[in-house]
Amino acid sequence: MDKVKTDYHVHPNYSIDASPAAIKDYCYKALDLGLAEICFTTHLELDPERRDKGNFVMVNGEKRPACHFNWLDSYFAEITRMQAELKSSPLAVKAGLVIGYCPCVEKEIERIVHDYPFDFILGAIHCLEHISISSQKESPSYFGSRTAAQVRDEYFGLLSEAVKTGFFDCIAHVDLYRRYGFNYLGLAVHTLHRGAIEPVFTELSRRGMGLEINTSSRRRGLKEFHPSTEILKLAVKSGIRVFTVGSDAHAPDELGQGIAEALAMLDELQVANHVFTRRKAIPCPARPGKGLQNPSDRPEPEQALQVSDGCQ
């Protein structure tokens, strides 16, 4: 049986590490691929210790501080235009973010997720001790100075804090440390989660939060998606029932990669892929159709509230 194909982790040209491809480019690529829904998830990083490194977005080709939230007016305007342009198409277009959790900016994160009409918010651990563990350039300074036990305690300790905030709908690439950690931790990186991730999953389940299958790991040379099959099975065993699939595309040619396989994994585990509208999870039907809620049936994104910036 055909599955509804969605991609809920997509970086348009607002993300500083993405290609110049615009929201419109991704939408038409999604139509070519037969996707039912696409959700844009621009990076938002607010750690004040990294204000000169990754805390930026791109707007019309210009780098701007991500903490000056007025860039979101442009972001929502582009998404709204595409929703209108594709109103009669088979594609639903959603507005989201992937937010790198940092405990010192919880007030700023809370403000942005509550004051703007997002459909979907991904939470992620991108940095530990203010070092980007997802960066090939930065990660050696982190992994090269820590044991597997230290990485486990620091990563899952911070992840637990992120989940308990309740700010996020799903957790992205929950075993991201596998990307570059293997070079320093060896095979231990594959069992790092044991005994540490179960309490996190219990809390995710209790809160009705979800977990992402992120297929970008294959592009990085890893054999399994994020999370690994072992971790995914633990999630289901822990009672998590909300799952999304995302390519983590940073260029249009990465859009939709691995999605069919990720959906097959969820099917095998007898759990459903989900989409979101205004932060509400909706299970996908078995067969393709006009999204799960026609954009014309959804309330138009309201004008973003005027909020102060989140710079520290």
Protein backbone atom coordinates (compact mmCIF):
# COMPACT_ATOMS: atom_id res chain seq x y z
CA MET A 1 0.00 0.00 0.00
CA ASP A 2 1.26 3.45 -0.87
CA LYS A 3 2.24 5.66 2.04
CA VAL A 4 1.73 9.37 2.42
CA LYS A 5 5.19 10.86 1.99
CA THR A 6 6.09 13.85 4.11
CA ASP A 7 9.33 15.66 4.88
CA TYR A 8 9.32 17.43 8.22
CA HIS A 9 12.91 18.61 8.47
CA VAL A 10 13.82 20.99 5.66
CA HIS A 11 16.29 23.90 5.69
CA PRO A 12 15.58 26.68 3.18
CA ASN A 13 17.95 29.55 2.58
CA TYR A 14 17.17 31.10 5.97
CA SER A 15 19.47 28.54 7.62
CA ILE A 16 23.07 29.75 7.44
CA ASP A 17 24.39 26.32 6.47
CA ALA A 18 21.83 25.74 3.70
CA SER A 19 22.06 26.23 -0.05
CA PRO A 20 20.67 29.44 -1.62
CA ALA A 21 17.51 27.56 -2.62
CA ALA A 22 14.38 29.40 -1.50
CA ILE A 23 11.17 28.10 0.03
CA LYS A 24 9.52 28.18 -3.40
CA ASP A 25 12.28 26.00 -4.89
CA TYR A 26 11.73 23.35 -2.24
CA CYS A 27 7.96 23.42 -2.67
CA TYR A 28 8.14 22.71 -6.38
CA LYS A 29 10.73 20.02 -5.79
CA ALA A 30 8.36 18.49 -3.24
CA LEU A 31 5.61 18.45 -5.86
CA ASP A 32 7.94 16.69 -8.30
CA LEU A 33 8.69 14.08 -5.63
CA GLY A 34 5.04 13.51 -4.82
CA LEU A 35 5.28 14.67 -1.22
CA ALA A 36 1.99 15.35 0.54
CA GLU A 37 3.48 17.75 3.07
CA ILE A 38 6.66 19.72 3.55
CA CYS A 39 7.58 21.49 6.76
CA PHE A 40 10.32 24.12 6.78
CA THR A 41 12.52 23.99 9.86
CA THR A 42 15.03 26.80 9.79
CA HIS A 43 17.80 26.61 12.38
CA LEU A 44 17.40 28.75 15.50
CA GLU A 45 20.44 28.91 17.76
CA LEU A 46 20.52 31.40 20.63
CA ASP A 47 23.42 30.35 22.89
CA PRO A 48 25.05 33.69 23.86
CA GLU A 49 28.43 31.95 24.09
CA ARG A 50 28.17 31.26 20.36
CA ARG A 51 26.81 34.60 19.20
CA ASP A 52 29.67 35.04 16.73
CA LYS A 53 29.57 31.46 15.42
CA GLY A 54 26.19 29.98 14.58
CA ASN A 55 23.56 32.36 15.91
CA PHE A 56 22.53 33.77 12.54
CA VAL A 57 19.92 33.46 9.83
CA MET A 58 20.02 34.55 6.21
CA VAL A 59 17.39 36.98 4.90
CA ASN A 60 17.56 37.97 1.24
CA GLY A 61 21.18 36.85 1.16
CA GLU A 62 22.18 38.92 4.19
CA LYS A 63 23.34 37.44 7.49
CA ARG A 64 21.30 38.63 10.45
CA PRO A 65 21.37 37.79 14.16
CA ALA A 66 18.81 35.05 14.79
CA CYS A 67 17.89 36.68 18.10
CA HIS A 68 16.40 39.68 16.26
CA PHE A 69 13.13 37.90 15.73
CA ASN A 70 11.80 40.30 13.10
CA TRP A 71 13.29 38.02 10.42
CA LEU A 72 10.34 35.76 11.14
CA ASP A 73 8.01 38.24 9.46
CA SER A 74 9.76 37.52 6.15
CA TYR A 75 9.83 33.78 6.87
CA PHE A 76 6.09 33.55 7.52
CA ALA A 77 5.31 35.82 4.57
CA GLU A 78 7.15 33.48 2.17
CA ILE A 79 5.46 30.40 3.56
CA THR A 80 2.05 32.06 3.42
CA ARG A 81 2.63 33.05 -0.22
CA MET A 82 3.44 29.46 -1.12
CA GLN A 83 0.38 28.17 0.73
CA ALA A 84 -1.73 30.50 -1.40
CA GLU A 85 0.13 29.69 -4.63
CA LEU A 86 -0.24 25.94 -4.07
CA LYS A 87 -3.75 26.07 -2.67
CA SER A 88 -5.12 23.79 -5.37
CA SER A 89 -2.08 21.50 -5.47
CA PRO A 90 -1.60 18.18 -3.64
CA LEU A 91 1.07 19.75 -1.38
CA ALA A 92 0.52 21.18 2.11
CA VAL A 93 3.20 23.64 3.27
CA LYS A 94 3.94 24.05 6.98
CA ALA A 95 5.97 26.49 9.08
CA GLY A 96 8.44 25.19 11.63
CA LEU A 97 11.78 25.61 13.33
CA VAL A 98 14.49 23.34 14.68
CA ILE A 99 15.74 24.93 17.88
CA GLY A 100 19.07 24.08 19.44
CA TYR A 101 18.30 23.78 23.14
CA CYS A 102 20.38 25.85 25.54
CA PRO A 103 19.18 26.19 29.15
CA CYS A 104 20.38 29.78 29.51
CA VAL A 105 17.93 31.01 26.84
CA GLU A 106 14.75 29.22 27.91
CA LYS A 107 12.83 32.50 28.23
CA GLU A 108 13.69 33.41 24.63
CA ILE A 109 12.73 29.95 23.35
CA GLU A 110 9.45 30.06 25.24
CA ARG A 111 8.67 33.48 23.80
CA ILE A 112 9.26 32.49 20.20
CA VAL A 113 7.35 29.20 20.30
CA HIS A 114 4.36 30.81 21.99
CA ASP A 115 4.20 34.14 20.15
CA TYR A 116 4.42 32.93 16.55
CA PRO A 117 1.95 30.70 14.67
CA PHE A 118 4.22 27.74 14.01
CA ASP A 119 2.86 24.40 12.92
CA PHE A 120 5.78 22.39 14.23
CA ILE A 121 8.77 22.84 16.55
CA LEU A 122 11.69 20.42 16.58
CA GLY A 123 14.05 20.43 19.55
CA ALA A 124 17.66 19.35 19.19
CA ILE A 125 20.94 19.08 21.04
CA HIS A 126 23.43 20.58 18.62
CA CYS A 127 25.98 21.80 21.15
CA LEU A 128 27.54 20.52 24.35
CA GLU A 129 29.59 22.86 26.51
CA HIS A 130 29.00 25.48 23.79
CA ILE A 131 30.75 23.30 21.19
CA SER A 132 28.89 22.15 18.08
CA ILE A 133 28.97 18.35 18.09
CA SER A 134 27.32 18.35 14.66
CA SER A 135 30.21 20.30 13.13
CA GLN A 136 33.09 18.45 11.52
CA LYS A 137 35.32 21.39 12.39
CA GLU A 138 34.31 21.87 16.03
CA SER A 139 33.41 18.35 17.18
CA PRO A 140 37.01 17.09 17.63
CA SER A 141 37.57 19.56 20.46
CA TYR A 142 34.60 18.06 22.27
CA PHE A 143 34.84 14.33 21.58
CA GLY A 144 38.63 14.31 21.73
CA SER A 145 38.65 15.40 25.36
CA ARG A 146 35.91 13.20 26.83
CA THR A 147 35.20 9.59 27.64
CA ALA A 148 32.09 7.80 26.44
CA ALA A 149 30.64 8.04 29.95
CA GLN A 150 31.16 11.80 30.02
CA VAL A 151 29.51 12.24 26.63
CA ARG A 152 26.57 10.10 27.73
CA ASP A 153 26.05 12.06 30.94
CA GLU A 154 26.36 15.47 29.29
CA TYR A 155 24.27 14.69 26.23
CA PHE A 156 21.39 12.90 27.87
CA GLY A 157 21.42 15.24 30.86
CA LEU A 158 20.88 18.19 28.53
CA LEU A 159 18.35 16.29 26.44
CA SER A 160 16.35 15.51 29.56
CA GLU A 161 16.26 19.21 30.43
CA ALA A 162 15.06 20.04 26.92
CA VAL A 163 12.22 17.54 27.06
CA LYS A 164 11.05 18.74 30.46
CA THR A 165 10.59 22.29 29.18
CA GLY A 166 7.69 21.13 27.04
CA PHE A 167 8.67 23.64 24.34
CA PHE A 168 9.05 21.09 21.56
CA ASP A 169 6.75 18.85 19.55
CA CYS A 170 9.42 16.32 18.59
CA ILE A 171 13.07 15.66 19.26
CA ALA A 172 15.32 15.68 16.20
CA HIS A 173 18.18 13.25 15.45
CA VAL A 174 18.19 11.98 19.03
CA ASP A 175 21.55 10.18 18.66
CA LEU A 176 23.31 12.96 16.76
CA TYR A 177 26.52 12.26 18.69
CA ARG A 178 26.98 9.23 16.41
CA ARG A 179 27.83 11.54 13.49
CA TYR A 180 31.35 12.39 14.61
CA GLY A 181 31.60 10.64 17.96
CA PHE A 182 32.56 7.31 16.40
CA ASN A 183 35.94 8.72 15.37
CA TYR A 184 36.83 9.20 19.04
CA LEU A 185 34.64 6.81 21.01
CA GLY A 186 34.71 3.86 18.64
CA LEU A 187 32.07 1.16 19.01
CA ALA A 188 31.02 2.59 22.38
CA VAL A 189 29.10 5.27 20.49
CA HIS A 190 26.54 2.65 19.44
CA THR A 191 25.68 1.67 23.04
CA LEU A 192 26.07 5.09 24.62
CA HIS A 193 22.32 5.46 25.07
CA ARG A 194 21.78 2.34 27.16
CA GLY A 195 20.55 3.21 30.63
CA ALA A 196 20.41 6.92 29.81
CA ILE A 197 17.82 7.28 27.07
CA GLU A 198 15.05 5.25 28.67
CA PRO A 199 14.09 7.91 31.28
CA VAL A 200 14.09 10.53 28.52
CA PHE A 201 11.74 8.42 26.42
CA THR A 202 9.47 7.82 29.40
CA GLU A 203 9.14 11.58 29.82
CA LEU A 204 8.57 12.08 26.08
CA SER A 205 5.78 9.52 26.19
CA ARG A 206 4.24 11.02 29.32
CA ARG A 207 4.09 14.43 27.65
CA GLY A 208 2.75 13.10 24.34
CA MET A 209 5.83 14.41 22.55
CA GLY A 210 7.29 12.80 19.47
CA LEU A 211 10.50 11.53 17.94
CA GLU A 212 11.92 12.14 14.50
CA ILE A 213 13.46 9.64 12.13
CA ASN A 214 16.16 11.74 10.48
CA THR A 215 17.58 10.24 7.30
CA SER A 216 20.55 12.61 6.89
CA SER A 217 22.90 10.15 8.60
CA ARG A 218 23.18 8.18 5.37
CA ARG A 219 24.59 11.25 3.63
CA ARG A 220 27.21 11.39 6.39
CA GLY A 221 28.33 7.82 5.84
CA LEU A 222 26.45 6.17 8.71
CA LYS A 223 24.69 2.87 8.10
CA GLU A 224 21.58 3.63 10.12
CA PHE A 225 19.25 6.59 10.37
CA HIS A 226 18.95 8.79 13.43
CA PRO A 227 17.93 7.14 15.64
CA SER A 228 19.41 3.69 15.23
CA THR A 229 17.00 0.77 14.98
CA GLU A 230 17.77 -0.23 18.56
CA ILE A 231 16.88 3.23 19.85
CA LEU A 232 13.76 3.43 17.69
CA LYS A 233 12.51 0.16 19.14
CA LEU A 234 13.20 1.47 22.65
CA ALA A 235 11.11 4.54 21.84
CA VAL A 236 8.14 2.40 20.82
CA LYS A 237 8.60 0.17 23.86
CA SER A 238 8.59 3.30 26.05
CA GLY A 239 5.17 4.26 24.75
CA ILE A 240 6.08 6.99 22.26
CA ARG A 241 3.45 7.05 19.54
CA VAL A 242 4.13 10.30 17.68
CA PHE A 243 6.80 10.05 14.99
CA THR A 244 7.84 12.27 12.10
CA VAL A 245 10.22 11.67 9.21
CA GLY A 246 12.65 14.21 7.86
CA SER A 247 15.51 14.35 5.38
CA ASP A 248 17.22 17.31 7.10
CA ALA A 249 17.65 18.65 3.57
CA HIS A 250 19.95 21.63 3.17
CA ALA A 251 19.58 21.61 -0.63
CA PRO A 252 16.68 20.61 -2.91
CA ASP A 253 18.43 17.49 -4.19
CA GLU A 254 18.45 16.15 -0.60
CA LEU A 255 14.71 16.62 -0.15
CA GLY A 256 12.81 13.41 0.47
CA GLN A 257 15.93 11.23 0.64
CA GLY A 258 15.34 8.08 2.68
CA ILE A 259 11.74 8.97 3.49
CA ALA A 260 10.21 5.83 1.96
CA GLU A 261 12.55 3.62 3.98
CA ALA A 262 11.85 5.56 7.18
CA LEU A 263 8.11 5.14 6.64
CA ALA A 264 8.61 1.42 6.12
CA MET A 265 10.41 1.22 9.47
CA LEU A 266 7.49 2.88 11.23
CA ASP A 267 5.09 0.52 9.47
CA GLU A 268 7.08 -2.49 10.61
CA LEU A 269 6.91 -1.22 14.21
CA GLN A 270 3.16 -0.60 13.82
CA VAL A 271 3.34 3.09 14.65
CA ALA A 272 2.21 6.02 12.53
CA ASN A 273 3.99 8.87 10.83
CA HIS A 274 2.50 12.22 11.87
CA VAL A 275 2.10 15.71 10.52
CA PHE A 276 1.35 18.87 12.50
CA THR A 277 -0.96 21.84 12.18
CA ARG A 278 -0.57 24.63 14.73
CA ARG A 279 1.39 22.32 17.02
CA LYS A 280 -1.22 19.55 16.94
CA ALA A 281 -0.14 16.08 15.85
CA ILE A 282 -2.23 14.30 13.21
CA PRO A 283 -1.59 10.66 12.18
CA CYS A 284 -1.06 10.18 8.46
CA PRO A 285 -3.58 8.16 6.46
CA ALA A 286 -2.37 5.14 4.55
CA ARG A 287 -2.89 6.57 1.08
CA PRO A 288 -1.79 9.84 -0.47
CA GLY A 289 -4.27 12.67 -0.62
CA LYS A 290 -4.40 16.41 -0.20
CA GLY A 291 -2.25 16.52 2.92
CA LEU A 292 -4.25 15.90 6.07
CA GLN A 293 -5.82 19.28 6.12
CA ASN A 294 -6.14 21.38 3.02
CA PRO A 295 -4.25 24.67 3.45
CA SER A 296 -7.45 26.44 2.39
CA ASP A 297 -9.20 24.84 5.38
CA ARG A 298 -6.59 26.02 7.85
CA PRO A 299 -6.72 29.43 9.47
CA GLU A 300 -4.34 31.82 7.77
CA PRO A 301 -1.18 32.47 9.81
CA GLU A 302 -1.94 35.44 11.96
CA GLN A 303 0.41 38.38 11.94
CA ALA A 304 3.31 37.66 14.24
CA LEU A 305 3.12 39.40 17.57
CA GLN A 306 5.60 42.16 18.20
CA VAL A 307 8.12 40.76 20.64
CA SER A 308 11.45 41.97 21.88
CA ASP A 309 14.51 40.25 20.53
CA GLY A 310 16.25 37.37 22.22
CA CYS A 311 19.83 38.64 22.09
CA GLN A 312 21.87 38.50 25.26
